[in-house]
Amino acid sequence: MQAVLEARNFLADWTMSGPAVSSLTTDLLVAFIAGSILILVEARRLRMKAGWAYVLLGLFVAFAFAFPLFLAMRERKLVLAR
């Protein structure tokens, strides 16, 4: 937000540690927290084993990999439950 208000080059700030980096970090952190809550709640609701493992995987590998993996395993659980 600060980069936009100061009319800075948002994309160039990503590569040079400007205000855009802190904005991006905040966005990613909020998405990680919200996605982690969704993973834990859904895993518990569907009685999936080791829902916490997807959150840990998101910390150590990448949340962009762990969240779609969870969604695929969730879908698999829903199909098999029919």
N, C-alpha and C. Protein backbone atom coordinates (compact mmCIF):
# COMPACT_ATOMS: atom_id res chain seq x y z
N MET A 1 0.82 -1.19 0.00
CA MET A 1 0.00 0.00 0.00
C MET A 1 0.87 1.26 0.00
N GLN A 2 1.92 1.24 0.80
CA GLN A 2 2.80 2.40 0.88
C GLN A 2 3.46 2.69 -0.47
N ALA A 3 3.82 1.63 -1.20
CA ALA A 3 4.44 1.82 -2.51
C ALA A 3 3.48 2.50 -3.48
N VAL A 4 2.22 2.17 -3.39
CA VAL A 4 1.21 2.78 -4.27
C VAL A 4 1.00 4.24 -3.89
N LEU A 5 0.91 4.51 -2.59
CA LEU A 5 0.69 5.88 -2.14
C LEU A 5 1.86 6.79 -2.49
N GLU A 6 3.07 6.25 -2.47
CA GLU A 6 4.25 7.04 -2.82
C GLU A 6 4.51 7.05 -4.32
N ALA A 7 3.67 6.41 -5.11
CA ALA A 7 3.80 6.33 -6.56
C ALA A 7 5.14 5.75 -6.97
N ARG A 8 5.56 4.69 -6.27
CA ARG A 8 6.83 4.04 -6.57
C ARG A 8 6.61 2.95 -7.63
N ASN A 9 7.68 2.52 -8.23
CA ASN A 9 7.62 1.42 -9.18
C ASN A 9 7.48 0.12 -8.40
N PHE A 10 6.27 -0.40 -8.35
CA PHE A 10 5.94 -1.55 -7.50
C PHE A 10 6.76 -2.78 -7.87
N LEU A 11 6.88 -3.07 -9.17
CA LEU A 11 7.62 -4.26 -9.59
C LEU A 11 9.12 -4.13 -9.33
N ALA A 12 9.67 -2.96 -9.51
CA ALA A 12 11.10 -2.77 -9.24
C ALA A 12 11.40 -2.87 -7.75
N ASP A 13 10.46 -2.47 -6.90
CA ASP A 13 10.64 -2.57 -5.46
C ASP A 13 10.73 -4.03 -4.99
N TRP A 14 10.10 -4.93 -5.72
CA TRP A 14 10.19 -6.36 -5.34
C TRP A 14 11.63 -6.86 -5.41
N THR A 15 12.35 -6.40 -6.39
CA THR A 15 13.72 -6.89 -6.56
C THR A 15 14.72 -6.10 -5.72
N MET A 16 14.37 -4.91 -5.29
CA MET A 16 15.30 -4.07 -4.52
C MET A 16 14.76 -3.95 -3.10
N SER A 17 14.38 -4.40 -2.28
CA SER A 17 13.84 -4.26 -0.94
C SER A 17 13.21 -2.89 -0.68
N GLY A 18 12.13 -2.63 -1.32
CA GLY A 18 11.37 -1.40 -1.07
C GLY A 18 10.10 -1.72 -0.29
N PRO A 19 9.20 -0.76 -0.20
CA PRO A 19 7.96 -0.98 0.54
C PRO A 19 7.08 -2.08 -0.06
N ALA A 20 7.25 -2.36 -1.33
CA ALA A 20 6.43 -3.41 -1.96
C ALA A 20 6.75 -4.78 -1.37
N VAL A 21 7.97 -4.97 -0.92
CA VAL A 21 8.36 -6.26 -0.35
C VAL A 21 7.60 -6.52 0.94
N SER A 22 7.47 -5.53 1.79
CA SER A 22 6.73 -5.72 3.03
C SER A 22 5.25 -5.93 2.75
N SER A 23 4.73 -5.27 1.74
CA SER A 23 3.33 -5.46 1.36
C SER A 23 3.10 -6.89 0.86
N LEU A 24 4.01 -7.37 0.03
CA LEU A 24 3.89 -8.73 -0.48
C LEU A 24 4.02 -9.75 0.65
N THR A 25 4.94 -9.52 1.56
CA THR A 25 5.13 -10.41 2.69
C THR A 25 3.88 -10.47 3.55
N THR A 26 3.27 -9.33 3.79
CA THR A 26 2.03 -9.29 4.57
C THR A 26 0.92 -10.04 3.87
N ASP A 27 0.78 -9.87 2.57
CA ASP A 27 -0.25 -10.58 1.80
C ASP A 27 -0.04 -12.09 1.89
N LEU A 28 1.19 -12.53 1.72
CA LEU A 28 1.48 -13.96 1.77
C LEU A 28 1.24 -14.53 3.16
N LEU A 29 1.58 -13.79 4.19
CA LEU A 29 1.36 -14.24 5.56
C LEU A 29 -0.13 -14.37 5.87
N VAL A 30 -0.91 -13.40 5.46
CA VAL A 30 -2.37 -13.45 5.68
C VAL A 30 -2.97 -14.63 4.93
N ALA A 31 -2.55 -14.87 3.69
CA ALA A 31 -3.05 -16.01 2.91
C ALA A 31 -2.65 -17.32 3.56
N PHE A 32 -1.43 -17.41 4.08
CA PHE A 32 -0.97 -18.62 4.74
C PHE A 32 -1.79 -18.90 6.00
N ILE A 33 -2.04 -17.88 6.79
CA ILE A 33 -2.81 -18.07 8.03
C ILE A 33 -4.24 -18.48 7.71
N ALA A 34 -4.88 -17.79 6.78
CA ALA A 34 -6.26 -18.13 6.42
C ALA A 34 -6.35 -19.53 5.82
N GLY A 35 -5.41 -19.87 4.93
CA GLY A 35 -5.40 -21.21 4.34
C GLY A 35 -5.12 -22.30 5.36
N SER A 36 -4.26 -22.00 6.32
CA SER A 36 -3.95 -22.98 7.36
C SER A 36 -5.17 -23.25 8.23
N ILE A 37 -5.91 -22.21 8.56
CA ILE A 37 -7.13 -22.38 9.34
C ILE A 37 -8.13 -23.23 8.55
N LEU A 38 -8.28 -22.94 7.27
CA LEU A 38 -9.18 -23.73 6.42
C LEU A 38 -8.74 -25.19 6.38
N ILE A 39 -7.45 -25.43 6.23
CA ILE A 39 -6.94 -26.80 6.19
C ILE A 39 -7.25 -27.54 7.48
N LEU A 40 -6.98 -26.91 8.62
CA LEU A 40 -7.19 -27.57 9.90
C LEU A 40 -8.67 -27.84 10.17
N VAL A 41 -9.51 -26.88 9.84
CA VAL A 41 -10.96 -27.05 10.07
C VAL A 41 -11.53 -28.13 9.15
N GLU A 42 -11.19 -28.06 7.86
CA GLU A 42 -11.70 -29.05 6.91
C GLU A 42 -11.18 -30.45 7.19
N ALA A 43 -9.91 -30.56 7.54
CA ALA A 43 -9.33 -31.88 7.85
C ALA A 43 -10.03 -32.49 9.05
N ARG A 44 -10.33 -31.67 10.02
CA ARG A 44 -11.04 -32.17 11.21
C ARG A 44 -12.48 -32.56 10.86
N ARG A 45 -13.13 -31.72 10.08
CA ARG A 45 -14.53 -31.99 9.71
C ARG A 45 -14.67 -33.28 8.91
N LEU A 46 -13.73 -33.52 8.01
CA LEU A 46 -13.77 -34.71 7.16
C LEU A 46 -13.05 -35.91 7.78
N ARG A 47 -12.53 -35.71 8.98
CA ARG A 47 -11.77 -36.75 9.68
C ARG A 47 -10.59 -37.26 8.85
N MET A 48 -9.87 -36.31 8.25
CA MET A 48 -8.66 -36.64 7.51
C MET A 48 -7.51 -36.76 8.50
N LYS A 49 -6.68 -37.74 8.30
CA LYS A 49 -5.53 -37.92 9.18
C LYS A 49 -4.45 -36.90 8.83
N ALA A 50 -3.78 -36.42 9.84
CA ALA A 50 -2.61 -35.55 9.70
C ALA A 50 -2.88 -34.28 8.89
N GLY A 51 -3.95 -33.58 9.19
CA GLY A 51 -4.21 -32.30 8.53
C GLY A 51 -3.13 -31.28 8.86
N TRP A 52 -2.56 -31.38 10.04
CA TRP A 52 -1.47 -30.49 10.45
C TRP A 52 -0.25 -30.64 9.56
N ALA A 53 -0.08 -31.80 8.93
CA ALA A 53 1.09 -32.04 8.09
C ALA A 53 1.10 -31.12 6.86
N TYR A 54 -0.07 -30.76 6.37
CA TYR A 54 -0.15 -29.86 5.21
C TYR A 54 0.32 -28.45 5.61
N VAL A 55 0.00 -28.04 6.83
CA VAL A 55 0.46 -26.73 7.32
C VAL A 55 1.98 -26.74 7.45
N LEU A 56 2.54 -27.80 8.04
CA LEU A 56 3.99 -27.91 8.15
C LEU A 56 4.64 -27.96 6.78
N LEU A 57 4.03 -28.69 5.86
CA LEU A 57 4.57 -28.76 4.51
C LEU A 57 4.60 -27.38 3.87
N GLY A 58 3.56 -26.59 4.13
CA GLY A 58 3.51 -25.22 3.62
C GLY A 58 4.63 -24.35 4.19
N LEU A 59 5.03 -24.62 5.41
CA LEU A 59 6.13 -23.86 6.01
C LEU A 59 7.48 -24.25 5.43
N PHE A 60 7.66 -25.53 5.17
CA PHE A 60 8.98 -26.00 4.76
C PHE A 60 9.17 -26.10 3.25
N VAL A 61 8.12 -26.35 2.50
CA VAL A 61 8.27 -26.46 1.04
C VAL A 61 7.76 -25.17 0.41
N ALA A 62 6.46 -25.05 0.32
CA ALA A 62 5.82 -23.82 -0.17
C ALA A 62 4.33 -24.00 0.00
N PHE A 63 3.67 -22.95 0.45
CA PHE A 63 2.22 -23.04 0.62
C PHE A 63 1.52 -23.17 -0.72
N ALA A 64 2.15 -22.65 -1.78
CA ALA A 64 1.59 -22.77 -3.13
C ALA A 64 1.57 -24.21 -3.60
N PHE A 65 2.33 -25.08 -2.96
CA PHE A 65 2.30 -26.53 -3.25
C PHE A 65 1.40 -27.25 -2.25
N ALA A 66 1.52 -26.91 -0.97
CA ALA A 66 0.81 -27.63 0.09
C ALA A 66 -0.70 -27.43 0.01
N PHE A 67 -1.15 -26.21 -0.27
CA PHE A 67 -2.60 -25.95 -0.30
C PHE A 67 -3.30 -26.69 -1.43
N PRO A 68 -2.81 -26.65 -2.67
CA PRO A 68 -3.46 -27.45 -3.72
C PRO A 68 -3.37 -28.95 -3.44
N LEU A 69 -2.28 -29.40 -2.83
CA LEU A 69 -2.18 -30.81 -2.46
C LEU A 69 -3.27 -31.17 -1.46
N PHE A 70 -3.48 -30.32 -0.46
CA PHE A 70 -4.56 -30.57 0.49
C PHE A 70 -5.91 -30.60 -0.21
N LEU A 71 -6.15 -29.66 -1.12
CA LEU A 71 -7.43 -29.63 -1.83
C LEU A 71 -7.64 -30.89 -2.66
N ALA A 72 -6.58 -31.41 -3.26
CA ALA A 72 -6.69 -32.65 -4.04
C ALA A 72 -7.00 -33.83 -3.12
N MET A 73 -6.34 -33.90 -1.98
CA MET A 73 -6.59 -34.99 -1.03
C MET A 73 -7.98 -34.87 -0.41
N ARG A 74 -8.43 -33.63 -0.23
CA ARG A 74 -9.79 -33.40 0.27
C ARG A 74 -10.82 -33.90 -0.73
N GLU A 75 -10.59 -33.56 -1.99
CA GLU A 75 -11.51 -34.01 -3.05
C GLU A 75 -11.52 -35.53 -3.13
N ARG A 76 -10.36 -36.13 -3.01
CA ARG A 76 -10.26 -37.60 -3.04
C ARG A 76 -11.05 -38.21 -1.89
N LYS A 77 -10.93 -37.62 -0.70
CA LYS A 77 -11.67 -38.10 0.46
C LYS A 77 -13.17 -37.97 0.24
N LEU A 78 -13.60 -36.86 -0.35
CA LEU A 78 -15.04 -36.66 -0.60
C LEU A 78 -15.58 -37.66 -1.63
N VAL A 79 -14.79 -37.96 -2.66
CA VAL A 79 -15.22 -38.91 -3.69
C VAL A 79 -15.30 -40.32 -3.12
N LEU A 80 -14.32 -40.69 -2.32
CA LEU A 80 -14.31 -42.03 -1.74
C LEU A 80 -15.39 -42.22 -0.68
N ALA A 81 -15.87 -41.13 -0.10
CA ALA A 81 -16.90 -41.21 0.94
C ALA A 81 -18.29 -41.40 0.35
N ARG A 82 -18.44 -41.24 -0.94
CA ARG A 82 -19.77 -41.38 -1.55
C ARG A 82 -20.25 -42.79 -1.59
